[in-house]
Amino acid sequence: MKLSELPHRTAATVESVDDQAPNDAIARRLRELGFVSGERVEVMAAGPVAAEPLLVQIGFTRFALRRSEAARVRVRTEVEA
């Protein structure tokens, strides 16, 4: 499932970050921020307008991501494992 589809307050594990083009700057930046395979991630909240941005916690750090950015991150929940 994609991170943008993950229900709020549901723990998941990052599987991968999808590149949409060769040398994708956004995907590379997400990996630099810690969205790498095996990391625990959770969607904490969503913004008031069109549920954007998403407040995402990875480790002890929180980030605000657009839904389009979160859709690049593939995750696996405990139930799927």
Protein backbone atom coordinates (compact mmCIF):
# COMPACT_ATOMS: atom_id res chain seq x y z
CA MET A 1 0.00 0.00 0.00
CA LYS A 2 1.05 3.60 -0.43
CA LEU A 3 1.81 5.85 2.52
CA SER A 4 -0.89 8.25 1.29
CA GLU A 5 -3.47 5.42 1.76
CA LEU A 6 -2.35 4.43 5.26
CA PRO A 7 -5.03 5.08 7.91
CA HIS A 8 -4.10 7.61 10.61
CA ARG A 9 -2.30 6.25 13.67
CA THR A 10 -1.55 2.91 12.00
CA ALA A 11 2.04 1.73 12.28
CA ALA A 12 3.68 0.50 9.09
CA THR A 13 7.11 -0.34 7.73
CA VAL A 14 8.64 1.34 4.70
CA GLU A 15 9.26 -1.09 1.83
CA SER A 16 10.56 1.28 -0.85
CA VAL A 17 10.37 4.73 -2.44
CA ASP A 18 9.24 4.72 -6.07
CA ASP A 19 11.12 6.83 -8.61
CA GLN A 20 8.81 8.43 -11.18
CA ALA A 21 11.69 9.36 -13.50
CA PRO A 22 15.41 8.65 -13.75
CA ASN A 23 17.34 10.56 -11.09
CA ASP A 24 14.06 11.59 -9.36
CA ALA A 25 14.95 14.44 -6.97
CA ILE A 26 11.85 14.04 -4.77
CA ALA A 27 12.33 10.28 -4.32
CA ARG A 28 16.02 10.83 -3.56
CA ARG A 29 15.16 13.50 -0.96
CA LEU A 30 12.60 11.21 0.71
CA ARG A 31 15.29 8.52 1.06
CA GLU A 32 17.71 11.12 2.47
CA LEU A 33 15.09 12.10 5.06
CA GLY A 34 14.91 8.49 6.28
CA PHE A 35 12.21 6.84 4.17
CA VAL A 36 14.26 3.68 3.64
CA SER A 37 13.36 0.01 3.76
CA GLY A 38 12.66 -1.28 7.26
CA GLU A 39 11.91 2.07 8.94
CA ARG A 40 8.73 2.40 10.99
CA VAL A 41 6.35 5.09 9.74
CA GLU A 42 2.98 6.43 10.84
CA VAL A 43 0.55 9.05 9.51
CA MET A 44 -0.24 11.25 12.49
CA ALA A 45 -2.75 13.72 11.00
CA ALA A 46 -3.95 15.39 7.83
CA GLY A 47 -4.48 19.04 6.99
CA PRO A 48 -7.91 20.69 6.97
CA VAL A 49 -8.13 21.42 3.23
CA ALA A 50 -8.44 18.31 1.02
CA ALA A 51 -6.68 16.36 3.81
CA GLU A 52 -3.39 17.86 2.75
CA PRO A 53 -0.60 17.95 3.84
CA LEU A 54 -0.08 14.72 5.77
CA LEU A 55 1.82 14.84 9.04
CA VAL A 56 4.06 11.76 8.92
CA GLN A 57 6.33 10.45 11.66
CA ILE A 58 9.37 8.35 10.82
CA GLY A 59 11.49 7.45 13.81
CA PHE A 60 11.30 10.44 16.16
CA THR A 61 10.99 13.01 13.36
CA ARG A 62 7.81 14.44 11.86
CA PHE A 63 7.43 15.73 8.32
CA ALA A 64 4.62 17.40 6.40
CA LEU A 65 4.27 15.68 3.03
CA ARG A 66 2.00 16.36 0.09
CA ARG A 67 -0.20 13.41 -0.81
CA SER A 68 1.66 13.12 -4.13
CA GLU A 69 4.96 12.76 -2.22
CA ALA A 70 3.51 10.26 0.24
CA ALA A 71 2.15 8.21 -2.68
CA ARG A 72 5.73 7.46 -3.72
CA VAL A 73 6.43 5.61 -0.46
CA ARG A 74 5.39 1.94 -0.38
CA VAL A 75 4.60 0.60 3.10
CA ARG A 76 3.55 -2.66 4.72
CA THR A 77 1.34 -2.79 7.80
CA GLU A 78 1.65 -5.38 10.54
CA VAL A 79 -1.53 -7.05 9.24
CA GLU A 80 -0.06 -7.45 5.73
CA ALA A 81 3.18 -9.02 7.02
